[in-house]
């Protein structure tokens, strides 16, 4: 019905507005990040919460581009800033969708690895040149294709600082142009929350 179509359009507009708001927030955060100051409000939560929130924001863009989102992350207990972690995964998902052609896919899953939760975000996109891999997380550094699409190259630098502020680490792998990219975010498991759940 026309009402259903209207509601879908309204929801898409709302999600895209949220995405644009995050871009603006990234820009407003630049001075703090450049100075190494990250405002954090940690709380007990489960990993699936910020991941799913980020996925919902990116999904309209993925649907419009006909890129499949296959996101399945368990409710591992962590301690972190919900909004900042959502920002991390939004950046990773949005980048993956941006550089994946129509008909491709973006996947995310998570496993426990030596006291850390390892979230792996992979895509079937254009990949990253080997020479550029060491600079992926540098501020204001971009690959040639990224530069032609515009932007300042801040997203992944901010991702790195947020993850490190959580006591974690982020890394990237790519077999080269046209071979996709794999980003791995490792964040410590919340031992106290997990122990309380086990009791």
Protein backbone atom coordinates (compact mmCIF):
# COMPACT_ATOMS: atom_id res chain seq x y z
CA UNK A 1 0.00 0.00 0.00
CA UNK A 2 1.00 3.63 -0.35
CA UNK A 3 1.26 3.91 3.44
CA UNK A 4 3.76 1.04 3.56
CA UNK A 5 5.83 2.63 0.79
CA UNK A 6 5.74 5.97 2.63
CA UNK A 7 6.90 4.34 5.87
CA UNK A 8 9.76 2.59 4.09
CA UNK A 9 10.86 5.84 2.46
CA UNK A 10 10.62 7.66 5.79
CA UNK A 11 12.69 4.96 7.50
CA UNK A 12 15.34 5.13 4.78
CA UNK A 13 15.51 8.93 5.06
CA UNK A 14 15.84 8.63 8.84
CA UNK A 15 18.67 6.07 8.59
CA UNK A 16 20.51 8.12 5.99
CA UNK A 17 20.13 11.21 8.18
CA UNK A 18 21.71 9.24 11.03
CA UNK A 19 24.57 8.24 8.75
CA UNK A 20 25.11 11.85 7.70
CA UNK A 21 25.03 12.89 11.34
CA UNK A 22 27.85 10.43 12.06
CA UNK A 23 29.92 11.93 9.26
CA UNK A 24 29.44 15.38 10.79
CA UNK A 25 30.33 13.98 14.21
CA UNK A 26 33.50 12.50 12.72
CA UNK A 27 34.47 15.94 11.48
CA UNK A 28 33.67 17.58 14.82
CA UNK A 29 35.78 14.92 16.52
CA UNK A 30 38.82 15.58 14.35
CA UNK A 31 40.51 18.07 16.65
CA UNK A 32 40.08 15.77 19.64
CA UNK A 33 41.38 12.75 17.75
CA UNK A 34 44.36 14.64 16.31
CA UNK A 35 45.23 15.67 19.86
CA UNK A 36 44.86 12.06 20.97
CA UNK A 37 41.85 12.77 23.17
CA UNK A 38 38.97 10.34 22.76
CA UNK A 39 35.93 10.98 24.93
CA UNK A 40 34.78 7.60 26.21
CA UNK A 41 31.77 6.50 28.27
CA UNK A 42 32.40 2.79 28.92
CA UNK A 43 29.63 0.51 30.14
CA UNK A 44 28.94 -3.24 30.18
CA UNK A 45 27.35 -4.33 26.91
CA UNK A 46 27.36 -7.14 24.39
CA UNK A 47 29.19 -6.90 21.09
CA UNK A 48 26.13 -7.57 18.95
CA UNK A 49 24.49 -4.31 20.10
CA UNK A 50 26.81 -1.76 18.42
CA UNK A 51 27.39 -4.10 15.47
CA UNK A 52 23.67 -4.50 14.76
CA UNK A 53 23.02 -0.76 15.20
CA UNK A 54 25.77 0.01 12.67
CA UNK A 55 24.42 -2.62 10.28
CA UNK A 56 20.93 -1.09 10.33
CA UNK A 57 22.32 2.32 9.37
CA UNK A 58 24.36 0.93 6.47
CA UNK A 59 21.73 -1.51 5.18
CA UNK A 60 19.76 0.98 3.00
CA UNK A 61 22.95 1.91 1.11
CA UNK A 62 23.84 -1.77 0.71
CA UNK A 63 20.32 -2.60 -0.53
CA UNK A 64 20.37 0.29 -2.99
CA UNK A 65 23.71 -0.94 -4.37
CA UNK A 66 22.63 -4.61 -4.29
CA UNK A 67 25.46 -5.57 -1.95
CA UNK A 68 24.59 -8.40 0.46
CA UNK A 69 25.18 -7.76 4.16
CA UNK A 70 25.81 -10.99 6.05
CA UNK A 71 26.36 -9.90 9.65
CA UNK A 72 26.29 -12.48 12.42
CA UNK A 73 28.05 -11.51 15.65
CA UNK A 74 27.33 -13.32 18.95
CA UNK A 75 26.45 -11.45 22.15
CA UNK A 76 29.97 -11.60 23.59
CA UNK A 77 30.22 -9.50 26.78
CA UNK A 78 32.52 -6.50 26.49
CA UNK A 79 33.00 -3.19 28.26
CA UNK A 80 33.02 -0.17 26.03
CA UNK A 81 31.48 3.01 24.73
CA UNK A 82 28.39 1.89 22.82
CA UNK A 83 28.28 4.96 20.54
CA UNK A 84 32.00 4.87 19.74
CA UNK A 85 31.93 1.15 18.95
CA UNK A 86 28.91 1.71 16.72
CA UNK A 87 31.01 4.38 14.98
CA UNK A 88 33.80 1.83 14.46
CA UNK A 89 31.57 -0.75 12.82
CA UNK A 90 29.59 1.84 10.86
CA UNK A 91 32.86 3.06 9.34
CA UNK A 92 34.01 -0.47 8.50
CA UNK A 93 30.65 -1.53 7.02
CA UNK A 94 30.17 1.72 5.09
CA UNK A 95 33.68 1.51 3.60
CA UNK A 96 33.15 -2.12 2.64
CA UNK A 97 29.85 -1.33 0.90
CA UNK A 98 31.37 1.72 -0.80
CA UNK A 99 34.19 -0.26 -2.39
CA UNK A 100 32.21 -3.43 -3.22
CA UNK A 101 30.53 -3.60 -6.63
CA UNK A 102 26.89 -4.54 -7.15
CA UNK A 103 26.31 -8.24 -6.57
CA UNK A 104 29.12 -8.47 -4.03
CA UNK A 105 28.90 -9.11 -0.31
CA UNK A 106 30.08 -7.78 3.03
CA UNK A 107 30.36 -10.26 5.89
CA UNK A 108 31.07 -9.92 9.59
CA UNK A 109 31.52 -12.60 12.23
CA UNK A 110 33.22 -12.88 15.60
CA UNK A 111 35.11 -15.46 17.61
CA UNK A 112 36.89 -15.62 20.95
CA UNK A 113 40.66 -15.58 20.67
CA UNK A 114 42.90 -15.67 23.75
CA UNK A 115 40.79 -13.37 25.92
CA UNK A 116 39.88 -11.11 23.02
CA UNK A 117 36.81 -10.91 20.81
CA UNK A 118 37.97 -10.92 17.20
CA UNK A 119 35.49 -9.34 14.78
CA UNK A 120 36.30 -10.01 11.14
CA UNK A 121 34.73 -7.75 8.49
CA UNK A 122 35.38 -8.95 4.94
CA UNK A 123 34.20 -7.82 1.54
CA UNK A 124 34.44 -8.87 -2.09
CA UNK A 125 35.36 -5.37 -3.19
CA UNK A 126 38.19 -3.69 -5.04
CA UNK A 127 40.83 -4.53 -2.45
CA UNK A 128 43.85 -2.51 -1.38
CA UNK A 129 47.20 -2.15 -3.11
CA UNK A 130 50.01 -3.81 -1.12
CA UNK A 131 52.03 -0.58 -1.06
CA UNK A 132 49.14 1.24 0.62
CA UNK A 133 48.36 -1.36 3.32
CA UNK A 134 50.78 0.08 5.94
CA UNK A 135 49.09 3.49 5.63
CA UNK A 136 45.41 2.48 5.73
CA UNK A 137 44.89 3.81 9.27
CA UNK A 138 46.91 7.02 8.84
CA UNK A 139 45.06 10.35 9.02
CA UNK A 140 44.47 12.09 5.69
CA UNK A 141 46.02 9.21 3.72
CA UNK A 142 44.00 7.49 1.04
CA UNK A 143 44.43 5.22 -1.94
CA UNK A 144 44.03 6.75 -5.38
CA UNK A 145 40.53 5.36 -5.91
CA UNK A 146 39.39 6.68 -2.53
CA UNK A 147 40.76 10.13 -3.32
CA UNK A 148 38.78 10.32 -6.53
CA UNK A 149 35.61 9.58 -4.56
CA UNK A 150 36.26 12.47 -2.17
CA UNK A 151 36.59 12.52 1.61
CA UNK A 152 39.46 13.24 3.97
CA UNK A 153 40.57 9.76 4.96
CA UNK A 154 39.60 10.23 8.61
CA UNK A 155 37.26 7.29 9.14
CA UNK A 156 39.81 4.51 9.55
CA UNK A 157 42.16 6.68 11.60
CA UNK A 158 39.27 7.29 14.00
CA UNK A 159 38.44 3.57 13.99
CA UNK A 160 42.02 2.80 15.05
CA UNK A 161 42.00 5.28 17.92
CA UNK A 162 38.61 4.15 19.25
CA UNK A 163 39.63 0.49 19.16
CA UNK A 164 42.95 1.22 20.87
CA UNK A 165 41.13 3.29 23.51
CA UNK A 166 39.23 0.07 24.30
CA UNK A 167 42.50 -1.79 24.82
CA UNK A 168 42.14 -3.42 21.44
CA UNK A 169 43.82 -3.46 18.05
CA UNK A 170 42.61 -3.24 14.45
CA UNK A 171 44.37 -4.69 11.43
CA UNK A 172 43.79 -5.08 7.69
CA UNK A 173 44.64 -7.63 5.06
CA UNK A 174 44.13 -7.63 1.31
CA UNK A 175 45.50 -9.82 -1.44
CA UNK A 176 45.56 -6.81 -3.74
CA UNK A 177 43.36 -4.92 -6.22
CA UNK A 178 40.12 -6.72 -7.01
CA UNK A 179 40.67 -9.29 -4.23
CA UNK A 180 38.63 -7.70 -1.44
CA UNK A 181 39.75 -6.60 2.03
CA UNK A 182 39.54 -8.06 5.54
CA UNK A 183 39.50 -5.84 8.64
CA UNK A 184 39.92 -7.48 12.04
CA UNK A 185 38.97 -5.68 15.27
CA UNK A 186 40.14 -7.27 18.54
CA UNK A 187 38.58 -6.06 21.80
CA UNK A 188 39.10 -7.57 25.27
CA UNK A 189 36.31 -9.76 26.60
CA UNK A 190 34.66 -8.42 29.77
CA UNK A 191 35.79 -11.11 32.21
CA UNK A 192 33.66 -9.83 35.12
CA UNK A 193 30.48 -9.71 33.05
CA UNK A 194 31.19 -13.16 31.61
CA UNK A 195 31.84 -14.63 35.08
CA UNK A 196 28.58 -13.18 36.36
CA UNK A 197 26.75 -14.75 33.40
CA UNK A 198 28.38 -18.13 33.99
CA UNK A 199 27.36 -18.23 37.67
